Amino acid sequence: MSNVNVDTYVLRLSNTSNGDDDINPLLSVASDKNEWTTQIPARIVNKGKCFIKVISGNMTLEDSSNAAKRIVGAEAVAVFWRSNIPYLGFDIEDRGSGSAILGSALIPVGTQGGIVTIDSISSRTFTCPRLPERISIKKFYSETVSSIDNGKLIAANKYTAFIIPAEIVLEITFDEDMSVMTNREMNSIRN
């Protein structure tokens, strides 16, 4: 049974907003500017089990107008987007916490500023039992093995107290939608 009527949802989770977040707070940013949380509409959360595909992600490393507004140190070699989205499985990078690493990007040698994009040969796809009501995304980085943190993920909040733009875009297909038969399929069973 194939269903061509399956809906696909797109979630763009960014740490900046054009909305009025004082009146209708859909976005909140942590005081250290490293983590942001987006309120997800109940109509989407209540759909239950889903399949998530990471479409894209961009992270600015430094404000082009002010080099003091950075999110990583000079020893950084990669950045990561981590979320509180639950997933089926286990990942050593998140130490089994159940917080999905949505993507990573290598920082080109000699790059201090600029924008990095998720490195991926194929999109990361995983099963989520149910979306949380509030999705939080946190930026991390890793340094060279010779650094003091020895290759562990470090919260990208040591170098700035300013919002440096980042986003991640997810494509979501719900199990509920895939299990609904089309009218043609229903009629073929009845006849």
N, C-alpha and C. Protein backbone atom coordinates (compact mmCIF):
# COMPACT_ATOMS: atom_id res chain seq x y z
N MET A 1 0.84 -1.17 0.00
CA MET A 1 0.00 0.00 0.00
C MET A 1 0.89 1.24 0.00
N SER A 2 0.81 2.05 -1.01
CA SER A 2 1.57 3.30 -1.04
C SER A 2 0.60 4.46 -0.96
N ASN A 3 1.02 5.48 -0.29
CA ASN A 3 0.15 6.62 -0.10
C ASN A 3 0.83 7.86 -0.66
N VAL A 4 0.32 8.38 -1.77
CA VAL A 4 0.89 9.57 -2.38
C VAL A 4 0.39 10.85 -1.70
N ASN A 5 -0.55 10.72 -0.78
CA ASN A 5 -1.12 11.88 -0.11
C ASN A 5 -0.48 12.18 1.24
N VAL A 6 0.72 11.68 1.47
CA VAL A 6 1.39 11.93 2.74
C VAL A 6 1.88 13.38 2.78
N ASP A 7 1.54 14.06 3.85
CA ASP A 7 1.97 15.45 4.01
C ASP A 7 3.40 15.50 4.52
N THR A 8 4.14 16.50 4.05
CA THR A 8 5.49 16.75 4.52
C THR A 8 5.49 18.12 5.18
N TYR A 9 6.03 18.18 6.38
CA TYR A 9 6.10 19.42 7.14
C TYR A 9 7.56 19.89 7.13
N VAL A 10 7.76 21.19 7.12
CA VAL A 10 9.10 21.75 7.19
C VAL A 10 9.17 22.64 8.43
N LEU A 11 10.18 22.41 9.25
CA LEU A 11 10.42 23.25 10.42
C LEU A 11 11.74 23.98 10.22
N ARG A 12 11.70 25.28 10.21
CA ARG A 12 12.92 26.09 10.14
C ARG A 12 13.12 26.64 11.54
N LEU A 13 14.17 26.19 12.20
CA LEU A 13 14.46 26.58 13.57
C LEU A 13 15.66 27.51 13.57
N SER A 14 15.41 28.79 13.84
CA SER A 14 16.45 29.81 13.78
C SER A 14 16.52 30.55 15.10
N ASN A 15 17.69 31.08 15.42
CA ASN A 15 17.83 31.85 16.66
C ASN A 15 17.48 33.33 16.47
N THR A 16 16.95 33.68 15.31
CA THR A 16 16.46 35.03 15.06
C THR A 16 15.02 34.92 14.56
N SER A 17 14.24 35.99 14.75
CA SER A 17 12.84 35.93 14.36
C SER A 17 12.39 37.29 13.86
N ASN A 18 11.51 37.28 12.88
CA ASN A 18 10.90 38.52 12.41
C ASN A 18 9.58 38.79 13.12
N GLY A 19 9.20 37.86 13.99
CA GLY A 19 7.93 38.01 14.70
C GLY A 19 8.06 38.90 15.91
N ASP A 20 6.93 39.18 16.55
CA ASP A 20 6.92 39.97 17.78
C ASP A 20 6.97 39.01 18.96
N ASP A 21 8.16 38.66 19.38
CA ASP A 21 8.31 37.66 20.43
C ASP A 21 8.06 38.20 21.83
N ASP A 22 7.80 39.51 21.96
CA ASP A 22 7.39 40.05 23.25
C ASP A 22 5.92 39.77 23.50
N ILE A 23 5.10 39.85 22.44
CA ILE A 23 3.66 39.62 22.57
C ILE A 23 3.33 38.14 22.40
N ASN A 24 3.92 37.49 21.41
CA ASN A 24 3.65 36.09 21.10
C ASN A 24 4.97 35.32 21.10
N PRO A 25 5.47 34.95 22.27
CA PRO A 25 6.81 34.38 22.35
C PRO A 25 6.93 32.95 21.80
N LEU A 26 7.24 32.85 20.52
CA LEU A 26 7.49 31.54 19.92
C LEU A 26 8.97 31.18 20.01
N LEU A 27 9.83 32.19 20.15
CA LEU A 27 11.28 32.00 20.21
C LEU A 27 11.83 32.60 21.49
N SER A 28 12.67 31.83 22.16
CA SER A 28 13.40 32.38 23.31
C SER A 28 14.87 31.98 23.16
N VAL A 29 15.75 32.90 23.53
CA VAL A 29 17.18 32.67 23.42
C VAL A 29 17.78 32.72 24.82
N ALA A 30 18.64 31.73 25.14
CA ALA A 30 19.27 31.66 26.46
C ALA A 30 20.13 32.90 26.70
N SER A 31 20.36 33.22 27.96
CA SER A 31 21.12 34.42 28.30
C SER A 31 22.55 34.38 27.75
N ASP A 32 23.12 33.18 27.57
CA ASP A 32 24.48 33.10 27.00
C ASP A 32 24.46 33.10 25.47
N LYS A 33 23.28 33.21 24.86
CA LYS A 33 23.05 33.32 23.41
C LYS A 33 23.46 32.08 22.62
N ASN A 34 23.73 30.98 23.30
CA ASN A 34 24.19 29.77 22.63
C ASN A 34 23.06 28.80 22.30
N GLU A 35 21.97 28.89 23.03
CA GLU A 35 20.85 27.95 22.84
C GLU A 35 19.59 28.74 22.59
N TRP A 36 18.76 28.22 21.67
CA TRP A 36 17.48 28.86 21.42
C TRP A 36 16.40 27.80 21.44
N THR A 37 15.19 28.24 21.80
CA THR A 37 14.06 27.34 21.94
C THR A 37 12.89 27.90 21.15
N THR A 38 12.25 27.02 20.39
CA THR A 38 11.11 27.40 19.56
C THR A 38 9.88 26.63 20.01
N GLN A 39 8.78 27.35 20.23
CA GLN A 39 7.50 26.73 20.57
C GLN A 39 6.93 26.09 19.30
N ILE A 40 6.59 24.80 19.38
CA ILE A 40 6.04 24.07 18.24
C ILE A 40 4.51 24.01 18.40
N PRO A 41 3.76 24.33 17.35
CA PRO A 41 2.29 24.30 17.46
C PRO A 41 1.77 22.93 17.89
N ALA A 42 0.76 22.94 18.76
CA ALA A 42 0.18 21.70 19.28
C ALA A 42 -0.33 20.79 18.16
N ARG A 43 -0.86 21.38 17.08
CA ARG A 43 -1.37 20.55 15.98
C ARG A 43 -0.27 19.70 15.35
N ILE A 44 0.97 20.14 15.43
CA ILE A 44 2.10 19.37 14.89
C ILE A 44 2.60 18.38 15.94
N VAL A 45 2.76 18.83 17.17
CA VAL A 45 3.24 17.95 18.26
C VAL A 45 2.30 16.77 18.45
N ASN A 46 1.00 17.02 18.41
CA ASN A 46 0.01 15.98 18.69
C ASN A 46 -0.10 14.91 17.60
N LYS A 47 0.59 15.07 16.50
CA LYS A 47 0.53 14.08 15.44
C LYS A 47 1.35 12.83 15.78
N GLY A 48 2.18 12.90 16.83
CA GLY A 48 2.87 11.72 17.33
C GLY A 48 4.15 11.35 16.60
N LYS A 49 4.35 10.05 16.45
CA LYS A 49 5.58 9.50 15.88
C LYS A 49 5.86 10.08 14.49
N CYS A 50 7.14 10.41 14.25
CA CYS A 50 7.47 11.01 12.97
C CYS A 50 8.87 10.61 12.51
N PHE A 51 9.14 10.90 11.27
CA PHE A 51 10.43 10.63 10.66
C PHE A 51 11.01 11.99 10.28
N ILE A 52 12.21 12.27 10.76
CA ILE A 52 12.82 13.58 10.58
C ILE A 52 14.03 13.46 9.67
N LYS A 53 14.09 14.37 8.71
CA LYS A 53 15.22 14.44 7.79
C LYS A 53 15.80 15.85 7.91
N VAL A 54 17.10 15.94 8.15
CA VAL A 54 17.76 17.24 8.23
C VAL A 54 18.00 17.72 6.80
N ILE A 55 17.40 18.85 6.46
CA ILE A 55 17.50 19.41 5.10
C ILE A 55 18.74 20.29 4.96
N SER A 56 18.93 21.18 5.93
CA SER A 56 20.07 22.10 5.85
C SER A 56 20.33 22.71 7.21
N GLY A 57 21.46 23.35 7.31
CA GLY A 57 21.82 24.07 8.53
C GLY A 57 22.96 25.02 8.24
N ASN A 58 22.87 26.21 8.80
CA ASN A 58 23.93 27.22 8.65
C ASN A 58 24.24 27.80 10.02
N MET A 59 25.50 28.08 10.25
CA MET A 59 25.92 28.68 11.51
C MET A 59 26.98 29.73 11.21
N THR A 60 26.74 30.95 11.67
CA THR A 60 27.72 32.01 11.53
C THR A 60 28.71 31.88 12.68
N LEU A 61 30.00 31.93 12.36
CA LEU A 61 31.04 31.80 13.38
C LEU A 61 31.40 33.12 14.01
N GLU A 62 31.25 34.20 13.24
CA GLU A 62 31.67 35.51 13.71
C GLU A 62 30.85 36.58 13.03
N ASP A 63 30.51 37.64 13.77
CA ASP A 63 29.83 38.79 13.19
C ASP A 63 30.83 39.51 12.28
N SER A 64 30.51 39.66 11.02
CA SER A 64 31.44 40.24 10.06
C SER A 64 31.80 41.69 10.38
N SER A 65 30.96 42.38 11.16
CA SER A 65 31.24 43.77 11.49
C SER A 65 32.04 43.93 12.78
N ASN A 66 32.21 42.81 13.53
CA ASN A 66 32.90 42.91 14.81
C ASN A 66 33.50 41.55 15.17
N ALA A 67 34.82 41.42 15.02
CA ALA A 67 35.51 40.15 15.28
C ALA A 67 35.43 39.73 16.74
N ALA A 68 35.06 40.64 17.64
CA ALA A 68 34.91 40.28 19.04
C ALA A 68 33.63 39.46 19.28
N LYS A 69 32.74 39.48 18.30
CA LYS A 69 31.48 38.72 18.40
C LYS A 69 31.67 37.38 17.71
N ARG A 70 32.30 36.44 18.41
CA ARG A 70 32.59 35.10 17.88
C ARG A 70 31.90 34.03 18.73
N ILE A 71 31.75 32.84 18.18
CA ILE A 71 31.18 31.76 18.98
C ILE A 71 32.17 30.63 19.24
N VAL A 72 33.33 30.63 18.58
CA VAL A 72 34.31 29.56 18.76
C VAL A 72 35.71 30.16 18.91
N GLY A 73 36.61 29.38 19.52
CA GLY A 73 37.99 29.80 19.66
C GLY A 73 38.82 29.46 18.43
N ALA A 74 40.06 29.90 18.44
CA ALA A 74 40.97 29.70 17.30
C ALA A 74 41.29 28.24 17.06
N GLU A 75 41.17 27.40 18.07
CA GLU A 75 41.49 25.98 17.94
C GLU A 75 40.32 25.13 17.43
N ALA A 76 39.16 25.75 17.22
CA ALA A 76 37.97 25.00 16.81
C ALA A 76 38.16 24.39 15.42
N VAL A 77 37.74 23.13 15.28
CA VAL A 77 37.85 22.44 13.99
C VAL A 77 36.49 22.03 13.43
N ALA A 78 35.45 21.99 14.28
CA ALA A 78 34.11 21.59 13.82
C ALA A 78 33.06 22.17 14.75
N VAL A 79 31.86 22.39 14.20
CA VAL A 79 30.71 22.84 15.00
C VAL A 79 29.60 21.81 14.86
N PHE A 80 28.69 21.81 15.85
CA PHE A 80 27.60 20.84 15.90
C PHE A 80 26.31 21.52 16.32
N TRP A 81 25.18 21.04 15.80
CA TRP A 81 23.85 21.46 16.20
C TRP A 81 23.26 20.31 17.02
N ARG A 82 22.95 20.53 18.28
CA ARG A 82 22.35 19.48 19.11
C ARG A 82 20.98 19.94 19.56
N SER A 83 20.03 19.01 19.59
CA SER A 83 18.66 19.38 19.97
C SER A 83 18.15 18.46 21.07
N ASN A 84 17.00 18.82 21.60
CA ASN A 84 16.32 17.97 22.58
C ASN A 84 15.30 17.05 21.92
N ILE A 85 15.34 16.94 20.59
CA ILE A 85 14.40 16.06 19.89
C ILE A 85 14.76 14.61 20.21
N PRO A 86 13.83 13.87 20.80
CA PRO A 86 14.13 12.46 21.11
C PRO A 86 14.21 11.63 19.83
N TYR A 87 15.01 10.58 19.86
CA TYR A 87 15.14 9.72 18.70
C TYR A 87 15.31 8.27 19.15
N LEU A 88 15.02 7.36 18.25
CA LEU A 88 15.23 5.95 18.52
C LEU A 88 16.66 5.62 18.16
N GLY A 89 17.41 5.08 19.09
CA GLY A 89 18.80 4.73 18.82
C GLY A 89 19.74 5.24 19.89
N PHE A 90 21.03 5.29 19.55
CA PHE A 90 22.07 5.69 20.50
C PHE A 90 23.18 6.39 19.72
N ASP A 91 23.74 7.45 20.29
CA ASP A 91 24.81 8.20 19.64
C ASP A 91 25.88 8.51 20.68
N ILE A 92 27.10 8.08 20.45
CA ILE A 92 28.19 8.30 21.40
C ILE A 92 28.51 9.78 21.55
N GLU A 93 28.28 10.59 20.49
CA GLU A 93 28.58 12.02 20.58
C GLU A 93 27.72 12.73 21.62
N ASP A 94 26.51 12.24 21.85
CA ASP A 94 25.68 12.88 22.87
C ASP A 94 25.69 12.09 24.17
N ARG A 95 26.61 11.13 24.28
CA ARG A 95 26.80 10.30 25.48
C ARG A 95 25.52 9.57 25.88
N GLY A 96 24.72 9.22 24.88
CA GLY A 96 23.51 8.46 25.15
C GLY A 96 22.41 9.26 25.81
N SER A 97 22.47 10.59 25.74
CA SER A 97 21.49 11.44 26.41
C SER A 97 20.13 11.43 25.72
N GLY A 98 20.09 10.97 24.48
CA GLY A 98 18.84 11.00 23.73
C GLY A 98 18.60 12.33 23.05
N SER A 99 19.56 13.24 23.12
CA SER A 99 19.47 14.53 22.44
C SER A 99 20.15 14.40 21.09
N ALA A 100 19.41 14.52 20.03
CA ALA A 100 19.94 14.26 18.69
C ALA A 100 20.95 15.31 18.25
N ILE A 101 22.10 14.84 17.76
CA ILE A 101 23.03 15.71 17.05
C ILE A 101 22.46 15.80 15.64
N LEU A 102 21.96 16.97 15.28
CA LEU A 102 21.28 17.13 13.99
C LEU A 102 22.24 17.31 12.83
N GLY A 103 23.42 17.80 13.11
CA GLY A 103 24.38 18.01 12.04
C GLY A 103 25.69 18.52 12.58
N SER A 104 26.69 18.51 11.70
CA SER A 104 28.01 19.03 12.04
C SER A 104 28.60 19.67 10.80
N ALA A 105 29.60 20.51 11.02
CA ALA A 105 30.29 21.16 9.91
C ALA A 105 31.75 21.33 10.29
N LEU A 106 32.63 21.00 9.36
CA LEU A 106 34.05 21.25 9.56
C LEU A 106 34.34 22.72 9.32
N ILE A 107 35.23 23.27 10.11
CA ILE A 107 35.65 24.65 9.93
C ILE A 107 36.92 24.62 9.09
N PRO A 108 36.90 25.22 7.92
CA PRO A 108 38.09 25.19 7.06
C PRO A 108 39.31 25.79 7.78
N VAL A 109 40.46 25.20 7.57
CA VAL A 109 41.69 25.66 8.20
C VAL A 109 41.90 27.14 7.91
N GLY A 110 42.25 27.89 8.94
CA GLY A 110 42.51 29.31 8.79
C GLY A 110 41.28 30.18 8.80
N THR A 111 40.09 29.58 8.99
CA THR A 111 38.84 30.35 9.00
C THR A 111 38.57 30.84 10.41
N GLN A 112 38.47 32.13 10.56
CA GLN A 112 38.09 32.70 11.85
C GLN A 112 36.60 33.02 11.86
N GLY A 113 36.13 33.66 10.79
CA GLY A 113 34.73 34.05 10.72
C GLY A 113 34.03 33.31 9.61
N GLY A 114 32.96 33.90 9.15
CA GLY A 114 32.23 33.30 8.04
C GLY A 114 31.10 32.42 8.51
N ILE A 115 30.52 31.73 7.54
CA ILE A 115 29.39 30.83 7.77
C ILE A 115 29.79 29.42 7.39
N VAL A 116 29.40 28.46 8.22
CA VAL A 116 29.60 27.05 7.88
C VAL A 116 28.24 26.42 7.64
N THR A 117 28.22 25.42 6.80
CA THR A 117 27.01 24.70 6.43
C THR A 117 27.17 23.24 6.79
N ILE A 118 26.07 22.60 7.16
CA ILE A 118 26.12 21.18 7.55
C ILE A 118 26.85 20.37 6.49
N ASP A 119 27.83 19.58 6.95
CA ASP A 119 28.55 18.66 6.08
C ASP A 119 27.75 17.38 6.00
N SER A 120 27.38 16.98 4.80
CA SER A 120 26.60 15.76 4.67
C SER A 120 26.64 15.23 3.26
N ILE A 121 26.98 13.95 3.13
CA ILE A 121 26.90 13.29 1.84
C ILE A 121 25.44 12.94 1.57
N SER A 122 24.76 12.47 2.60
CA SER A 122 23.32 12.23 2.52
C SER A 122 22.70 12.78 3.79
N SER A 123 21.47 13.20 3.72
CA SER A 123 20.80 13.83 4.85
C SER A 123 20.67 12.88 6.02
N ARG A 124 20.83 13.40 7.21
CA ARG A 124 20.63 12.62 8.43
C ARG A 124 19.13 12.43 8.62
N THR A 125 18.70 11.21 8.80
CA THR A 125 17.29 10.87 8.96
C THR A 125 17.14 9.99 10.19
N PHE A 126 16.10 10.25 10.99
CA PHE A 126 15.90 9.42 12.18
C PHE A 126 14.42 9.41 12.55
N THR A 127 14.05 8.46 13.41
CA THR A 127 12.68 8.32 13.90
C THR A 127 12.57 9.00 15.25
N CYS A 128 11.52 9.79 15.41
CA CYS A 128 11.24 10.49 16.66
C CYS A 128 9.91 9.96 17.21
N PRO A 129 9.88 9.48 18.46
CA PRO A 129 8.63 8.96 19.01
C PRO A 129 7.52 10.02 19.09
N ARG A 130 7.89 11.28 19.38
CA ARG A 130 6.95 12.40 19.44
C ARG A 130 7.76 13.67 19.60
N LEU A 131 7.43 14.69 18.83
CA LEU A 131 8.14 15.97 18.94
C LEU A 131 7.87 16.61 20.31
N PRO A 132 8.88 17.25 20.89
CA PRO A 132 8.62 17.99 22.13
C PRO A 132 7.82 19.26 21.83
N GLU A 133 7.16 19.79 22.83
CA GLU A 133 6.38 21.02 22.65
C GLU A 133 7.28 22.22 22.38
N ARG A 134 8.50 22.16 22.89
CA ARG A 134 9.49 23.21 22.68
C ARG A 134 10.78 22.55 22.22
N ILE A 135 11.23 22.88 21.04
CA ILE A 135 12.48 22.32 20.52
C ILE A 135 13.60 23.30 20.81
N SER A 136 14.64 22.79 21.46
CA SER A 136 15.81 23.59 21.78
C SER A 136 16.98 23.13 20.91
N ILE A 137 17.72 24.09 20.41
CA ILE A 137 18.92 23.82 19.62
C ILE A 137 20.08 24.49 20.33
N LYS A 138 21.17 23.76 20.47
CA LYS A 138 22.35 24.29 21.14
C LYS A 138 23.55 24.11 20.23
N LYS A 139 24.40 25.13 20.18
CA LYS A 139 25.59 25.10 19.33
C LYS A 139 26.79 24.61 20.15
N PHE A 140 27.55 23.69 19.55
CA PHE A 140 28.77 23.16 20.17
C PHE A 140 29.90 23.23 19.17
N TYR A 141 31.12 23.07 19.66
CA TYR A 141 32.27 22.94 18.78
C TYR A 141 33.27 21.98 19.39
N SER A 142 34.17 21.50 18.59
CA SER A 142 35.28 20.68 19.09
C SER A 142 36.57 21.31 18.61
N GLU A 143 37.60 21.10 19.41
CA GLU A 143 38.91 21.66 19.10
C GLU A 143 39.86 20.55 18.68
N THR A 144 41.05 20.95 18.29
CA THR A 144 42.07 19.96 17.93
C THR A 144 42.37 19.08 19.14
N VAL A 145 42.85 17.89 18.90
CA VAL A 145 43.11 16.94 19.97
C VAL A 145 44.14 17.49 20.96
N SER A 146 45.03 18.37 20.52
CA SER A 146 46.04 18.94 21.42
C SER A 146 45.50 20.01 22.35
N SER A 147 44.23 20.37 22.17
CA SER A 147 43.66 21.43 22.99
C SER A 147 43.34 20.92 24.39
N ILE A 148 43.00 21.84 25.26
CA ILE A 148 42.74 21.53 26.66
C ILE A 148 41.53 20.60 26.85
N ASP A 149 40.53 20.68 25.95
CA ASP A 149 39.32 19.86 26.09
C ASP A 149 39.43 18.51 25.39
N ASN A 150 40.57 18.24 24.75
CA ASN A 150 40.88 16.92 24.20
C ASN A 150 39.81 16.35 23.28
N GLY A 151 39.29 17.17 22.37
CA GLY A 151 38.35 16.67 21.37
C GLY A 151 36.91 16.55 21.81
N LYS A 152 36.57 16.89 23.05
CA LYS A 152 35.18 16.81 23.52
C LYS A 152 34.37 17.99 23.00
N LEU A 153 33.06 17.82 22.93
CA LEU A 153 32.19 18.91 22.49
C LEU A 153 32.11 19.99 23.58
N ILE A 154 32.25 21.24 23.15
CA ILE A 154 32.27 22.39 24.05
C ILE A 154 31.12 23.31 23.65
N ALA A 155 30.36 23.79 24.63
CA ALA A 155 29.28 24.74 24.33
C ALA A 155 29.87 25.99 23.71
N ALA A 156 29.27 26.44 22.61
CA ALA A 156 29.78 27.61 21.87
C ALA A 156 29.27 28.90 22.49
N ASN A 157 29.66 29.12 23.75
CA ASN A 157 29.17 30.30 24.46
C ASN A 157 30.28 31.07 25.18
N LYS A 158 31.52 30.75 24.93
CA LYS A 158 32.62 31.36 25.68
C LYS A 158 33.05 32.72 25.14
N TYR A 159 32.73 33.03 23.90
CA TYR A 159 33.35 34.17 23.25
C TYR A 159 32.45 35.35 22.96
N THR A 160 31.17 35.21 23.17
CA THR A 160 30.28 36.33 22.86
C THR A 160 29.01 36.27 23.69
N ALA A 161 28.44 37.42 23.91
CA ALA A 161 27.14 37.53 24.56
C ALA A 161 26.12 38.10 23.58
N PHE A 162 26.43 38.00 22.29
CA PHE A 162 25.57 38.51 21.24
C PHE A 162 24.94 37.34 20.48
N ILE A 163 23.79 37.58 19.87
CA ILE A 163 23.17 36.55 19.03
C ILE A 163 23.91 36.53 17.70
N ILE A 164 24.53 35.40 17.39
CA ILE A 164 25.20 35.19 16.11
C ILE A 164 24.30 34.22 15.35
N PRO A 165 23.78 34.60 14.17
CA PRO A 165 22.75 33.80 13.48
C PRO A 165 23.12 32.33 13.22
N ALA A 166 22.13 31.49 13.44
CA ALA A 166 22.24 30.06 13.15
C ALA A 166 20.84 29.55 12.84
N GLU A 167 20.76 28.49 12.04
CA GLU A 167 19.47 27.88 11.75
C GLU A 167 19.67 26.42 11.37
N ILE A 168 18.60 25.68 11.48
CA ILE A 168 18.57 24.31 10.98
C ILE A 168 17.17 24.08 10.43
N VAL A 169 17.08 23.37 9.30
CA VAL A 169 15.80 23.13 8.65
C VAL A 169 15.54 21.62 8.62
N LEU A 170 14.36 21.23 9.09
CA LEU A 170 13.99 19.83 9.18
C LEU A 170 12.76 19.55 8.32
N GLU A 171 12.76 18.38 7.70
CA GLU A 171 11.58 17.89 6.97
C GLU A 171 10.99 16.77 7.82
N ILE A 172 9.68 16.85 8.07
CA ILE A 172 9.04 15.89 8.97
C ILE A 172 7.87 15.22 8.26
N THR A 173 7.83 13.90 8.37
CA THR A 173 6.71 13.10 7.87
C THR A 173 6.17 12.31 9.05
N PHE A 174 4.88 12.40 9.29
CA PHE A 174 4.29 11.74 10.45
C PHE A 174 3.77 10.35 10.09
N ASP A 175 3.98 9.43 11.01
CA ASP A 175 3.51 8.05 10.85
C ASP A 175 1.99 8.03 10.68
N GLU A 176 1.30 8.89 11.40
CA GLU A 176 -0.16 8.99 11.32
C GLU A 176 -0.61 9.26 9.88
N ASP A 177 0.08 10.14 9.18
CA ASP A 177 -0.28 10.49 7.81
C ASP A 177 -0.01 9.33 6.85
N MET A 178 1.06 8.58 7.12
CA MET A 178 1.42 7.49 6.21
C MET A 178 0.50 6.29 6.37
N SER A 179 -0.19 6.21 7.51
CA SER A 179 -1.06 5.06 7.72
C SER A 179 -2.50 5.31 7.26
N VAL A 180 -2.77 6.51 6.79
CA VAL A 180 -4.11 6.84 6.30
C VAL A 180 -4.22 6.43 4.83
N MET A 181 -5.24 5.68 4.51
CA MET A 181 -5.43 5.21 3.13
C MET A 181 -6.07 6.30 2.28
N THR A 182 -5.73 6.28 1.02
CA THR A 182 -6.38 7.19 0.07
C THR A 182 -7.78 6.66 -0.24
N ASN A 183 -8.63 7.49 -0.81
CA ASN A 183 -9.98 7.05 -1.20
C ASN A 183 -9.92 5.89 -2.17
N ARG A 184 -8.99 5.94 -3.13
CA ARG A 184 -8.85 4.86 -4.11
C ARG A 184 -8.51 3.54 -3.40
N GLU A 185 -7.60 3.60 -2.43
CA GLU A 185 -7.23 2.38 -1.69
C GLU A 185 -8.42 1.85 -0.88
N MET A 186 -9.18 2.76 -0.26
CA MET A 186 -10.36 2.36 0.51
C MET A 186 -11.39 1.69 -0.39
N ASN A 187 -11.64 2.27 -1.57
CA ASN A 187 -12.61 1.72 -2.52
C ASN A 187 -12.17 0.35 -3.03
N SER A 188 -10.89 0.16 -3.27
CA SER A 188 -10.43 -1.13 -3.77
C SER A 188 -10.62 -2.23 -2.73
N ILE A 189 -10.53 -1.90 -1.45
CA ILE A 189 -10.77 -2.88 -0.40
C ILE A 189 -12.25 -3.20 -0.30
N ARG A 190 -13.10 -2.17 -0.43
CA ARG A 190 -14.55 -2.37 -0.31
C ARG A 190 -15.10 -3.21 -1.46
N ASN A 191 -14.56 -3.11 -2.63
CA ASN A 191 -15.10 -3.81 -3.81
C ASN A 191 -14.59 -5.17 -3.94
